[in-house]
Amino acid sequence: MLRRPAAVFFPLAFLISFPADNLKAAAPEQANPELHGWFESLKQPGSGISCCSIADCLPVDYKMETGGYEALIETRWVRIPGDKVLHGKPNPTGRAILCRSPISGTILCFVPAGET
């Protein structure tokens, strides 16, 4: 008989014992609760999957370069993949918004501050 150590089952049991709402990251302290619905409405281009929540999105400085948008993430400029840009999406924050996976750091969505 194949035996598995208890340590393999403990993390799964731990996750099952808490409601999913408890696993969501909290909104940043400075987040405007009136924008919660707008953040929840952000969907990844092409797939329609959520860009995550207000806790996974942050305002960033950005610039337009020949190859597309770049965002200042921590201390370096990072090119935003063109297929992650939400073009024409009204942005009530007044700042560019970048949503990344909290686990891998993968860019999920980018909303420019305003497009003309």
PDB file of N, CA and C in Angstrom:
ATOM      1  N   MET A   1       0.834  -1.167   0.000  1.00  0.00           N
ATOM      2  CA  MET A   1       0.000   0.000   0.000  1.00  0.00           C
ATOM      3  C   MET A   1       0.890   1.245   0.000  1.00  0.00           C
ATOM      4  N   LEU A   2       0.530   2.226  -0.811  1.00  0.00           N
ATOM      5  CA  LEU A   2       1.273   3.476  -0.919  1.00  0.00           C
ATOM      6  C   LEU A   2       0.883   4.384   0.238  1.00  0.00           C
ATOM      7  N   ARG A   3       1.897   4.849   0.964  1.00  0.00           N
ATOM      8  CA  ARG A   3       1.624   5.724   2.111  1.00  0.00           C
ATOM      9  C   ARG A   3       2.135   7.116   1.797  1.00  0.00           C
ATOM     10  N   ARG A   4       1.353   8.088   2.134  1.00  0.00           N
ATOM     11  CA  ARG A   4       1.748   9.480   1.936  1.00  0.00           C
ATOM     12  C   ARG A   4       1.911  10.125   3.301  1.00  0.00           C
ATOM     13  N   PRO A   5       2.940  10.952   3.437  1.00  0.00           N
ATOM     14  CA  PRO A   5       3.137  11.605   4.734  1.00  0.00           C
ATOM     15  C   PRO A   5       1.990  12.576   5.039  1.00  0.00           C
ATOM     16  N   ALA A   6       1.713  12.733   6.318  1.00  0.00           N
ATOM     17  CA  ALA A   6       0.640  13.633   6.757  1.00  0.00           C
ATOM     18  C   ALA A   6       0.901  15.062   6.303  1.00  0.00           C
ATOM     19  N   ALA A   7       2.154  15.422   6.138  1.00  0.00           N
ATOM     20  CA  ALA A   7       2.496  16.788   5.732  1.00  0.00           C
ATOM     21  C   ALA A   7       1.914  17.149   4.370  1.00  0.00           C
ATOM     22  N   VAL A   8       1.680  16.166   3.528  1.00  0.00           N
ATOM     23  CA  VAL A   8       1.105  16.428   2.210  1.00  0.00           C
ATOM     24  C   VAL A   8      -0.359  16.825   2.355  1.00  0.00           C
ATOM     25  N   PHE A   9      -1.057  16.205   3.289  1.00  0.00           N
ATOM     26  CA  PHE A   9      -2.480  16.455   3.450  1.00  0.00           C
ATOM     27  C   PHE A   9      -2.784  17.670   4.310  1.00  0.00           C
ATOM     28  N   PHE A  10      -1.889  18.058   5.194  1.00  0.00           N
ATOM     29  CA  PHE A  10      -2.147  19.180   6.091  1.00  0.00           C
ATOM     30  C   PHE A  10      -2.439  20.484   5.354  1.00  0.00           C
ATOM     31  N   PRO A  11      -1.611  20.890   4.366  1.00  0.00           N
ATOM     32  CA  PRO A  11      -1.924  22.161   3.689  1.00  0.00           C
ATOM     33  C   PRO A  11      -3.299  22.153   3.026  1.00  0.00           C
ATOM     34  N   LEU A  12      -3.683  21.036   2.428  1.00  0.00           N
ATOM     35  CA  LEU A  12      -4.993  20.950   1.787  1.00  0.00           C
ATOM     36  C   LEU A  12      -6.094  21.067   2.834  1.00  0.00           C
ATOM     37  N   ALA A  13      -5.946  20.381   3.939  1.00  0.00           N
ATOM     38  CA  ALA A  13      -6.940  20.452   5.002  1.00  0.00           C
ATOM     39  C   ALA A  13      -7.018  21.866   5.571  1.00  0.00           C
ATOM     40  N   PHE A  14      -5.890  22.533   5.681  1.00  0.00           N
ATOM     41  CA  PHE A  14      -5.845  23.903   6.184  1.00  0.00           C
ATOM     42  C   PHE A  14      -6.640  24.827   5.270  1.00  0.00           C
ATOM     43  N   LEU A  15      -6.458  24.708   3.953  1.00  0.00           N
ATOM     44  CA  LEU A  15      -7.166  25.563   3.001  1.00  0.00           C
ATOM     45  C   LEU A  15      -8.658  25.274   2.981  1.00  0.00           C
ATOM     46  N   ILE A  16      -9.025  24.023   3.106  1.00  0.00           N
ATOM     47  CA  ILE A  16     -10.433  23.656   3.080  1.00  0.00           C
ATOM     48  C   ILE A  16     -11.152  24.160   4.327  1.00  0.00           C
ATOM     49  N   SER A  17     -10.444  24.295   5.441  1.00  0.00           N
ATOM     50  CA  SER A  17     -11.086  24.671   6.692  1.00  0.00           C
ATOM     51  C   SER A  17     -11.441  26.152   6.769  1.00  0.00           C
ATOM     52  N   PHE A  18     -10.995  26.975   5.811  1.00  0.00           N
ATOM     53  CA  PHE A  18     -11.300  28.395   5.816  1.00  0.00           C
ATOM     54  C   PHE A  18     -12.128  28.756   4.602  1.00  0.00           C
ATOM     55  N   PRO A  19     -13.119  29.632   4.759  1.00  0.00           N
ATOM     56  CA  PRO A  19     -13.869  30.087   3.597  1.00  0.00           C
ATOM     57  C   PRO A  19     -12.961  30.828   2.634  1.00  0.00           C
ATOM     58  N   ALA A  20     -13.299  30.798   1.354  1.00  0.00           N
ATOM     59  CA  ALA A  20     -12.477  31.446   0.328  1.00  0.00           C
ATOM     60  C   ALA A  20     -12.306  32.928   0.589  1.00  0.00           C
ATOM     61  N   ASP A  21     -13.310  33.592   1.162  1.00  0.00           N
ATOM     62  CA  ASP A  21     -13.203  35.027   1.427  1.00  0.00           C
ATOM     63  C   ASP A  21     -12.046  35.335   2.369  1.00  0.00           C
ATOM     64  N   ASN A  22     -11.710  34.406   3.256  1.00  0.00           N
ATOM     65  CA  ASN A  22     -10.605  34.638   4.178  1.00  0.00           C
ATOM     66  C   ASN A  22      -9.254  34.563   3.490  1.00  0.00           C
ATOM     67  N   LEU A  23      -9.195  33.976   2.291  1.00  0.00           N
ATOM     68  CA  LEU A  23      -7.936  33.827   1.591  1.00  0.00           C
ATOM     69  C   LEU A  23      -7.634  35.019   0.684  1.00  0.00           C
ATOM     70  N   LYS A  24      -8.604  35.901   0.479  1.00  0.00           N
ATOM     71  CA  LYS A  24      -8.396  37.061  -0.380  1.00  0.00           C
ATOM     72  C   LYS A  24      -7.532  38.075   0.344  1.00  0.00           C
ATOM     73  N   ALA A  25      -6.675  38.733  -0.405  1.00  0.00           N
ATOM     74  CA  ALA A  25      -5.855  39.779   0.175  1.00  0.00           C
ATOM     75  C   ALA A  25      -6.735  40.978   0.475  1.00  0.00           C
ATOM     76  N   ALA A  26      -6.370  41.689   1.504  1.00  0.00           N
ATOM     77  CA  ALA A  26      -7.112  42.882   1.874  1.00  0.00           C
ATOM     78  C   ALA A  26      -6.751  44.028   0.941  1.00  0.00           C
ATOM     79  N   ALA A  27      -7.679  44.946   0.799  1.00  0.00           N
ATOM     80  CA  ALA A  27      -7.427  46.123  -0.026  1.00  0.00           C
ATOM     81  C   ALA A  27      -6.336  46.959   0.631  1.00  0.00           C
ATOM     82  N   PRO A  28      -5.524  47.644  -0.165  1.00  0.00           N
ATOM     83  CA  PRO A  28      -4.505  48.513   0.412  1.00  0.00           C
ATOM     84  C   PRO A  28      -5.156  49.555   1.320  1.00  0.00           C
ATOM     85  N   GLU A  29      -4.434  49.976   2.331  1.00  0.00           N
ATOM     86  CA  GLU A  29      -4.958  50.912   3.318  1.00  0.00           C
ATOM     87  C   GLU A  29      -5.494  52.195   2.680  1.00  0.00           C
ATOM     88  N   GLN A  30      -4.818  52.690   1.635  1.00  0.00           N
ATOM     89  CA  GLN A  30      -5.209  53.943   0.998  1.00  0.00           C
ATOM     90  C   GLN A  30      -6.266  53.751  -0.095  1.00  0.00           C
ATOM     91  N   ALA A  31      -6.757  52.545  -0.286  1.00  0.00           N
ATOM     92  CA  ALA A  31      -7.714  52.262  -1.356  1.00  0.00           C
ATOM     93  C   ALA A  31      -9.047  52.964  -1.101  1.00  0.00           C
ATOM     94  N   ASN A  32      -9.621  53.477  -2.158  1.00  0.00           N
ATOM     95  CA  ASN A  32     -10.921  54.128  -2.098  1.00  0.00           C
ATOM     96  C   ASN A  32     -12.000  53.053  -2.258  1.00  0.00           C
ATOM     97  N   PRO A  33     -12.822  52.824  -1.239  1.00  0.00           N
ATOM     98  CA  PRO A  33     -13.824  51.758  -1.335  1.00  0.00           C
ATOM     99  C   PRO A  33     -14.846  51.992  -2.450  1.00  0.00           C
ATOM    100  N   GLU A  34     -15.024  53.242  -2.872  1.00  0.00           N
ATOM    101  CA  GLU A  34     -15.962  53.534  -3.957  1.00  0.00           C
ATOM    102  C   GLU A  34     -15.467  52.978  -5.291  1.00  0.00           C
ATOM    103  N   LEU A  35     -14.181  52.670  -5.400  1.00  0.00           N
ATOM    104  CA  LEU A  35     -13.618  52.140  -6.644  1.00  0.00           C
ATOM    105  C   LEU A  35     -13.588  50.616  -6.680  1.00  0.00           C
ATOM    106  N   HIS A  36     -14.051  49.990  -5.618  1.00  0.00           N
ATOM    107  CA  HIS A  36     -14.014  48.529  -5.542  1.00  0.00           C
ATOM    108  C   HIS A  36     -14.680  47.885  -6.769  1.00  0.00           C
ATOM    109  N   GLY A  37     -15.851  48.361  -7.134  1.00  0.00           N
ATOM    110  CA  GLY A  37     -16.570  47.806  -8.287  1.00  0.00           C
ATOM    111  C   GLY A  37     -15.801  47.980  -9.586  1.00  0.00           C
ATOM    112  N   TRP A  38     -15.132  49.125  -9.735  1.00  0.00           N
ATOM    113  CA  TRP A  38     -14.349  49.354 -10.954  1.00  0.00           C
ATOM    114  C   TRP A  38     -13.203  48.357 -11.043  1.00  0.00           C
ATOM    115  N   PHE A  39     -12.494  48.151  -9.941  1.00  0.00           N
ATOM    116  CA  PHE A  39     -11.394  47.177  -9.947  1.00  0.00           C
ATOM    117  C   PHE A  39     -11.916  45.779 -10.249  1.00  0.00           C
ATOM    118  N   GLU A  40     -13.053  45.422  -9.667  1.00  0.00           N
ATOM    119  CA  GLU A  40     -13.630  44.101  -9.909  1.00  0.00           C
ATOM    120  C   GLU A  40     -14.076  43.937 -11.370  1.00  0.00           C
ATOM    121  N   SER A  41     -14.350  45.060 -12.062  1.00  0.00           N
ATOM    122  CA  SER A  41     -14.803  44.982 -13.456  1.00  0.00           C
ATOM    123  C   SER A  41     -13.657  44.761 -14.444  1.00  0.00           C
ATOM    124  N   LEU A  42     -12.429  44.896 -14.003  1.00  0.00           N
ATOM    125  CA  LEU A  42     -11.287  44.738 -14.903  1.00  0.00           C
ATOM    126  C   LEU A  42     -11.131  43.275 -15.298  1.00  0.00           C
ATOM    127  N   LYS A  43     -11.139  43.022 -16.594  1.00  0.00           N
ATOM    128  CA  LYS A  43     -11.013  41.667 -17.124  1.00  0.00           C
ATOM    129  C   LYS A  43      -9.811  41.583 -18.048  1.00  0.00           C
ATOM    130  N   GLN A  44      -9.112  40.460 -17.995  1.00  0.00           N
ATOM    131  CA  GLN A  44      -7.943  40.258 -18.844  1.00  0.00           C
ATOM    132  C   GLN A  44      -8.361  40.227 -20.308  1.00  0.00           C
ATOM    133  N   PRO A  45      -7.663  40.995 -21.135  1.00  0.00           N
ATOM    134  CA  PRO A  45      -7.992  41.007 -22.567  1.00  0.00           C
ATOM    135  C   PRO A  45      -7.899  39.603 -23.163  1.00  0.00           C
ATOM    136  N   GLY A  46      -8.863  39.272 -23.989  1.00  0.00           N
ATOM    137  CA  GLY A  46      -8.840  37.989 -24.679  1.00  0.00           C
ATOM    138  C   GLY A  46      -9.507  36.860 -23.929  1.00  0.00           C
ATOM    139  N   SER A  47      -9.369  36.819 -22.608  1.00  0.00           N
ATOM    140  CA  SER A  47      -9.917  35.692 -21.857  1.00  0.00           C
ATOM    141  C   SER A  47     -11.154  36.070 -21.055  1.00  0.00           C
ATOM    142  N   GLY A  48     -11.263  37.322 -20.669  1.00  0.00           N
ATOM    143  CA  GLY A  48     -12.383  37.748 -19.837  1.00  0.00           C
ATOM    144  C   GLY A  48     -12.247  37.351 -18.384  1.00  0.00           C
ATOM    145  N   ILE A  49     -11.112  36.773 -18.024  1.00  0.00           N
ATOM    146  CA  ILE A  49     -10.850  36.387 -16.633  1.00  0.00           C
ATOM    147  C   ILE A  49     -10.521  37.649 -15.848  1.00  0.00           C
ATOM    148  N   SER A  50     -10.920  37.683 -14.603  1.00  0.00           N
ATOM    149  CA  SER A  50     -10.681  38.840 -13.753  1.00  0.00           C
ATOM    150  C   SER A  50      -9.194  39.184 -13.685  1.00  0.00           C
ATOM    151  N   CYS A  51      -8.913  40.469 -13.624  1.00  0.00           N
ATOM    152  CA  CYS A  51      -7.532  40.943 -13.444  1.00  0.00           C
ATOM    153  C   CYS A  51      -7.129  40.829 -11.978  1.00  0.00           C
ATOM    154  N   CYS A  52      -7.927  40.275 -11.169  1.00  0.00           N
ATOM    155  CA  CYS A  52      -7.740  40.118  -9.738  1.00  0.00           C
ATOM    156  C   CYS A  52      -8.600  41.135  -9.015  1.00  0.00           C
ATOM    157  N   SER A  53      -8.144  41.586  -7.881  1.00  0.00           N
ATOM    158  CA  SER A  53      -8.950  42.497  -7.082  1.00  0.00           C
ATOM    159  C   SER A  53      -8.163  43.764  -6.794  1.00  0.00           C
ATOM    160  N   ILE A  54      -8.778  44.651  -6.065  1.00  0.00           N
ATOM    161  CA  ILE A  54      -8.133  45.911  -5.719  1.00  0.00           C
ATOM    162  C   ILE A  54      -6.813  45.660  -4.973  1.00  0.00           C
ATOM    163  N   ALA A  55      -6.709  44.538  -4.270  1.00  0.00           N
ATOM    164  CA  ALA A  55      -5.494  44.229  -3.523  1.00  0.00           C
ATOM    165  C   ALA A  55      -4.336  43.831  -4.427  1.00  0.00           C
ATOM    166  N   ASP A  56      -4.619  43.397  -5.655  1.00  0.00           N
ATOM    167  CA  ASP A  56      -3.577  42.952  -6.579  1.00  0.00           C
ATOM    168  C   ASP A  56      -3.210  44.024  -7.598  1.00  0.00           C
ATOM    169  N   CYS A  57      -3.869  45.166  -7.527  1.00  0.00           N
ATOM    170  CA  CYS A  57      -3.636  46.244  -8.479  1.00  0.00           C
ATOM    171  C   CYS A  57      -3.041  47.433  -7.736  1.00  0.00           C
ATOM    172  N   LEU A  58      -2.166  48.141  -8.411  1.00  0.00           N
ATOM    173  CA  LEU A  58      -1.561  49.295  -7.785  1.00  0.00           C
ATOM    174  C   LEU A  58      -1.347  50.402  -8.808  1.00  0.00           C
ATOM    175  N   PRO A  59      -1.373  51.654  -8.349  1.00  0.00           N
ATOM    176  CA  PRO A  59      -1.075  52.753  -9.253  1.00  0.00           C
ATOM    177  C   PRO A  59       0.419  52.761  -9.562  1.00  0.00           C
ATOM    178  N   VAL A  60       0.756  53.066 -10.813  1.00  0.00           N
ATOM    179  CA  VAL A  60       2.162  53.092 -11.219  1.00  0.00           C
ATOM    180  C   VAL A  60       2.436  54.306 -12.099  1.00  0.00           C
ATOM    181  N   ASP A  61       3.678  54.724 -12.101  1.00  0.00           N
ATOM    182  CA  ASP A  61       4.139  55.697 -13.082  1.00  0.00           C
ATOM    183  C   ASP A  61       4.365  54.916 -14.365  1.00  0.00           C
ATOM    184  N   TYR A  62       4.115  55.569 -15.494  1.00  0.00           N
ATOM    185  CA  TYR A  62       4.295  54.868 -16.765  1.00  0.00           C
ATOM    186  C   TYR A  62       4.736  55.846 -17.825  1.00  0.00           C
ATOM    187  N   LYS A  63       5.201  55.289 -18.918  1.00  0.00           N
ATOM    188  CA  LYS A  63       5.591  56.098 -20.074  1.00  0.00           C
ATOM    189  C   LYS A  63       5.312  55.302 -21.331  1.00  0.00           C
ATOM    190  N   MET A  64       5.168  56.026 -22.420  1.00  0.00           N
ATOM    191  CA  MET A  64       4.943  55.395 -23.717  1.00  0.00           C
ATOM    192  C   MET A  64       6.267  55.410 -24.446  1.00  0.00           C
ATOM    193  N   GLU A  65       6.698  54.249 -24.878  1.00  0.00           N
ATOM    194  CA  GLU A  65       7.928  54.104 -25.653  1.00  0.00           C
ATOM    195  C   GLU A  65       7.556  53.584 -27.035  1.00  0.00           C
ATOM    196  N   THR A  66       8.527  53.476 -27.910  1.00  0.00           N
ATOM    197  CA  THR A  66       8.281  52.995 -29.267  1.00  0.00           C
ATOM    198  C   THR A  66       7.594  51.630 -29.265  1.00  0.00           C
ATOM    199  N   GLY A  67       7.997  50.737 -28.365  1.00  0.00           N
ATOM    200  CA  GLY A  67       7.443  49.385 -28.326  1.00  0.00           C
ATOM    201  C   GLY A  67       6.163  49.265 -27.532  1.00  0.00           C
ATOM    202  N   GLY A  68       5.689  50.345 -26.929  1.00  0.00           N
ATOM    203  CA  GLY A  68       4.471  50.285 -26.127  1.00  0.00           C
ATOM    204  C   GLY A  68       4.673  50.921 -24.772  1.00  0.00           C
ATOM    205  N   TYR A  69       3.818  50.548 -23.846  1.00  0.00           N
ATOM    206  CA  TYR A  69       3.873  51.116 -22.495  1.00  0.00           C
ATOM    207  C   TYR A  69       4.970  50.466 -21.667  1.00  0.00           C
ATOM    208  N   GLU A  70       5.528  51.268 -20.762  1.00  0.00           N
ATOM    209  CA  GLU A  70       6.428  50.769 -19.731  1.00  0.00           C
ATOM    210  C   GLU A  70       5.934  51.318 -18.407  1.00  0.00           C
ATOM    211  N   ALA A  71       6.028  50.509 -17.368  1.00  0.00           N
ATOM    212  CA  ALA A  71       5.600  50.915 -16.027  1.00  0.00           C
ATOM    213  C   ALA A  71       6.775  50.798 -15.070  1.00  0.00           C
ATOM    214  N   LEU A  72       6.813  51.710 -14.132  1.00  0.00           N
ATOM    215  CA  LEU A  72       7.846  51.681 -13.104  1.00  0.00           C
ATOM    216  C   LEU A  72       7.373  50.749 -11.992  1.00  0.00           C
ATOM    217  N   ILE A  73       8.012  49.588 -11.927  1.00  0.00           N
ATOM    218  CA  ILE A  73       7.676  48.598 -10.907  1.00  0.00           C
ATOM    219  C   ILE A  73       8.852  48.539  -9.948  1.00  0.00           C
ATOM    220  N   GLU A  74       8.571  48.940  -8.718  1.00  0.00           N
ATOM    221  CA  GLU A  74       9.594  49.077  -7.696  1.00  0.00           C
ATOM    222  C   GLU A  74      10.640  50.073  -8.183  1.00  0.00           C
ATOM    223  N   THR A  75      11.786  49.633  -8.668  1.00  0.00           N
ATOM    224  CA  THR A  75      12.828  50.586  -9.072  1.00  0.00           C
ATOM    225  C   THR A  75      13.240  50.465 -10.532  1.00  0.00           C
ATOM    226  N   ARG A  76      12.477  49.693 -11.315  1.00  0.00           N
ATOM    227  CA  ARG A  76      12.890  49.551 -12.718  1.00  0.00           C
ATOM    228  C   ARG A  76      11.694  49.656 -13.659  1.00  0.00           C
ATOM    229  N   TRP A  77      11.995  50.082 -14.888  1.00  0.00           N
ATOM    230  CA  TRP A  77      10.986  50.191 -15.926  1.00  0.00           C
ATOM    231  C   TRP A  77      10.779  48.826 -16.570  1.00  0.00           C
ATOM    232  N   VAL A  78       9.531  48.402 -16.654  1.00  0.00           N
ATOM    233  CA  VAL A  78       9.184  47.092 -17.199  1.00  0.00           C
ATOM    234  C   VAL A  78       8.210  47.305 -18.359  1.00  0.00           C
ATOM    235  N   ARG A  79       8.506  46.646 -19.487  1.00  0.00           N
ATOM    236  CA  ARG A  79       7.614  46.741 -20.645  1.00  0.00           C
ATOM    237  C   ARG A  79       6.330  45.978 -20.361  1.00  0.00           C
ATOM    238  N   ILE A  80       5.217  46.602 -20.683  1.00  0.00           N
ATOM    239  CA  ILE A  80       3.911  45.968 -20.496  1.00  0.00           C
ATOM    240  C   ILE A  80       3.563  45.219 -21.786  1.00  0.00           C
ATOM    241  N   PRO A  81       3.317  43.924 -21.721  1.00  0.00           N
ATOM    242  CA  PRO A  81       2.920  43.208 -22.938  1.00  0.00           C
ATOM    243  C   PRO A  81       1.677  43.858 -23.548  1.00  0.00           C
ATOM    244  N   GLY A  82       1.697  44.074 -24.843  1.00  0.00           N
ATOM    245  CA  GLY A  82       0.591  44.736 -25.523  1.00  0.00           C
ATOM    246  C   GLY A  82      -0.754  44.068 -25.319  1.00  0.00           C
ATOM    247  N   ASP A  83      -0.743  42.751 -25.137  1.00  0.00           N
ATOM    248  CA  ASP A  83      -2.010  42.044 -24.963  1.00  0.00           C
ATOM    249  C   ASP A  83      -2.554  42.138 -23.536  1.00  0.00           C
ATOM    250  N   LYS A  84      -1.871  42.873 -22.675  1.00  0.00           N
ATOM    251  CA  LYS A  84      -2.339  43.063 -21.293  1.00  0.00           C
ATOM    252  C   LYS A  84      -2.900  44.465 -21.069  1.00  0.00           C
ATOM    253  N   VAL A  85      -2.833  45.320 -22.100  1.00  0.00           N
ATOM    254  CA  VAL A  85      -3.300  46.699 -21.982  1.00  0.00           C
ATOM    255  C   VAL A  85      -4.796  46.760 -22.250  1.00  0.00           C
ATOM    256  N   LEU A  86      -5.522  47.371 -21.327  1.00  0.00           N
ATOM    257  CA  LEU A  86      -6.959  47.563 -21.504  1.00  0.00           C
ATOM    258  C   LEU A  86      -7.161  48.929 -22.162  1.00  0.00           C
ATOM    259  N   HIS A  87      -7.223  48.939 -23.481  1.00  0.00           N
ATOM    260  CA  HIS A  87      -7.406  50.169 -24.239  1.00  0.00           C
ATOM    261  C   HIS A  87      -8.851  50.643 -24.136  1.00  0.00           C
ATOM    262  N   GLY A  88      -9.010  51.972 -24.013  1.00  0.00           N
ATOM    263  CA  GLY A  88     -10.347  52.555 -24.022  1.00  0.00           C
ATOM    264  C   GLY A  88     -11.144  52.321 -22.755  1.00  0.00           C
ATOM    265  N   LYS A  89     -10.524  51.775 -21.714  1.00  0.00           N
ATOM    266  CA  LYS A  89     -11.224  51.535 -20.447  1.00  0.00           C
ATOM    267  C   LYS A  89     -11.186  52.820 -19.628  1.00  0.00           C
ATOM    268  N   PRO A  90     -12.343  53.422 -19.337  1.00  0.00           N
ATOM    269  CA  PRO A  90     -12.329  54.614 -18.486  1.00  0.00           C
ATOM    270  C   PRO A  90     -11.630  54.304 -17.166  1.00  0.00           C
ATOM    271  N   ASN A  91     -10.802  55.234 -16.717  1.00  0.00           N
ATOM    272  CA  ASN A  91     -10.016  55.017 -15.507  1.00  0.00           C
ATOM    273  C   ASN A  91     -10.300  56.146 -14.513  1.00  0.00           C
ATOM    274  N   PRO A  92     -11.122  55.889 -13.508  1.00  0.00           N
ATOM    275  CA  PRO A  92     -11.493  56.929 -12.553  1.00  0.00           C
ATOM    276  C   PRO A  92     -10.422  57.239 -11.510  1.00  0.00           C
ATOM    277  N   THR A  93      -9.318  56.512 -11.514  1.00  0.00           N
ATOM    278  CA  THR A  93      -8.306  56.718 -10.474  1.00  0.00           C
ATOM    279  C   THR A  93      -7.402  57.911 -10.749  1.00  0.00           C
ATOM    280  N   GLY A  94      -7.269  58.291 -12.028  1.00  0.00           N
ATOM    281  CA  GLY A  94      -6.355  59.379 -12.373  1.00  0.00           C
ATOM    282  C   GLY A  94      -4.905  58.933 -12.484  1.00  0.00           C
ATOM    283  N   ARG A  95      -4.627  57.670 -12.235  1.00  0.00           N
ATOM    284  CA  ARG A  95      -3.280  57.100 -12.334  1.00  0.00           C
ATOM    285  C   ARG A  95      -3.352  55.829 -13.155  1.00  0.00           C
ATOM    286  N   ALA A  96      -2.228  55.469 -13.778  1.00  0.00           N
ATOM    287  CA  ALA A  96      -2.176  54.174 -14.457  1.00  0.00           C
ATOM    288  C   ALA A  96      -2.280  53.081 -13.393  1.00  0.00           C
ATOM    289  N   ILE A  97      -2.944  51.990 -13.741  1.00  0.00           N
ATOM    290  CA  ILE A  97      -3.146  50.881 -12.806  1.00  0.00           C
ATOM    291  C   ILE A  97      -2.542  49.617 -13.407  1.00  0.00           C
ATOM    292  N   LEU A  98      -1.762  48.920 -12.603  1.00  0.00           N
ATOM    293  CA  LEU A  98      -1.123  47.675 -13.001  1.00  0.00           C
ATOM    294  C   LEU A  98      -1.602  46.577 -12.062  1.00  0.00           C
ATOM    295  N   CYS A  99      -2.118  45.490 -12.632  1.00  0.00           N
ATOM    296  CA  CYS A  99      -2.556  44.347 -11.837  1.00  0.00           C
ATOM    297  C   CYS A  99      -1.604  43.186 -12.113  1.00  0.00           C
ATOM    298  N   ARG A 100      -1.077  42.616 -11.043  1.00  0.00           N
ATOM    299  CA  ARG A 100      -0.127  41.497 -11.166  1.00  0.00           C
ATOM    300  C   ARG A 100      -0.548  40.358 -10.266  1.00  0.00           C
ATOM    301  N   SER A 101      -0.141  39.170 -10.650  1.00  0.00           N
ATOM    302  CA  SER A 101      -0.387  37.997  -9.820  1.00  0.00           C
ATOM    303  C   SER A 101       0.394  38.157  -8.515  1.00  0.00           C
ATOM    304  N   PRO A 102      -0.273  37.976  -7.375  1.00  0.00           N
ATOM    305  CA  PRO A 102       0.434  38.107  -6.103  1.00  0.00           C
ATOM    306  C   PRO A 102       1.463  36.996  -5.879  1.00  0.00           C
ATOM    307  N   ILE A 103       1.331  35.907  -6.602  1.00  0.00           N
ATOM    308  CA  ILE A 103       2.251  34.778  -6.420  1.00  0.00           C
ATOM    309  C   ILE A 103       3.445  34.869  -7.363  1.00  0.00           C
ATOM    310  N   SER A 104       3.177  35.018  -8.661  1.00  0.00           N
ATOM    311  CA  SER A 104       4.269  34.994  -9.637  1.00  0.00           C
ATOM    312  C   SER A 104       4.754  36.374 -10.057  1.00  0.00           C
ATOM    313  N   GLY A 105       3.946  37.399  -9.825  1.00  0.00           N
ATOM    314  CA  GLY A 105       4.301  38.734 -10.286  1.00  0.00           C
ATOM    315  C   GLY A 105       3.975  38.970 -11.753  1.00  0.00           C
ATOM    316  N   THR A 106       3.373  37.992 -12.402  1.00  0.00           N
ATOM    317  CA  THR A 106       2.999  38.111 -13.810  1.00  0.00           C
ATOM    318  C   THR A 106       2.023  39.260 -14.005  1.00  0.00           C
ATOM    319  N   ILE A 107       2.256  40.069 -15.019  1.00  0.00           N
ATOM    320  CA  ILE A 107       1.353  41.175 -15.325  1.00  0.00           C
ATOM    321  C   ILE A 107       0.073  40.607 -15.923  1.00  0.00           C
ATOM    322  N   LEU A 108      -1.050  40.960 -15.315  1.00  0.00           N
ATOM    323  CA  LEU A 108      -2.347  40.474 -15.772  1.00  0.00           C
ATOM    324  C   LEU A 108      -3.080  41.533 -16.585  1.00  0.00           C
ATOM    325  N   CYS A 109      -3.016  42.781 -16.145  1.00  0.00           N
ATOM    326  CA  CYS A 109      -3.709  43.875 -16.819  1.00  0.00           C
ATOM    327  C   CYS A 109      -2.993  45.188 -16.554  1.00  0.00           C
ATOM    328  N   PHE A 110      -3.136  46.100 -17.497  1.00  0.00           N
ATOM    329  CA  PHE A 110      -2.604  47.449 -17.343  1.00  0.00           C
ATOM    330  C   PHE A 110      -3.637  48.412 -17.901  1.00  0.00           C
ATOM    331  N   VAL A 111      -4.012  49.403 -17.079  1.00  0.00           N
ATOM    332  CA  VAL A 111      -4.970  50.415 -17.506  1.00  0.00           C
ATOM    333  C   VAL A 111      -4.239  51.760 -17.493  1.00  0.00           C
ATOM    334  N   PRO A 112      -4.014  52.370 -18.653  1.00  0.00           N
ATOM    335  CA  PRO A 112      -3.372  53.678 -18.681  1.00  0.00           C
ATOM    336  C   PRO A 112      -4.214  54.705 -17.931  1.00  0.00           C
ATOM    337  N   ALA A 113      -3.585  55.781 -17.518  1.00  0.00           N
ATOM    338  CA  ALA A 113      -4.306  56.832 -16.788  1.00  0.00           C
ATOM    339  C   ALA A 113      -5.384  57.444 -17.665  1.00  0.00           C
ATOM    340  N   GLY A 114      -5.140  57.560 -18.932  1.00  0.00           N
ATOM    341  CA  GLY A 114      -6.121  58.108 -19.840  1.00  0.00           C
ATOM    342  C   GLY A 114      -5.556  58.063 -21.257  1.00  0.00           C
ATOM    343  N   GLU A 115      -6.363  57.672 -22.184  1.00  0.00           N
ATOM    344  CA  GLU A 115      -5.930  57.623 -23.570  1.00  0.00           C
ATOM    345  C   GLU A 115      -6.715  58.664 -24.352  1.00  0.00           C
ATOM    346  N   THR A 116      -6.015  59.338 -25.258  1.00  0.00           N
ATOM    347  CA  THR A 116      -6.684  60.341 -26.069  1.00  0.00           C
ATOM    348  C   THR A 116      -6.867  59.839 -27.468  1.00  0.00           C
TER     349      THR A 116
END
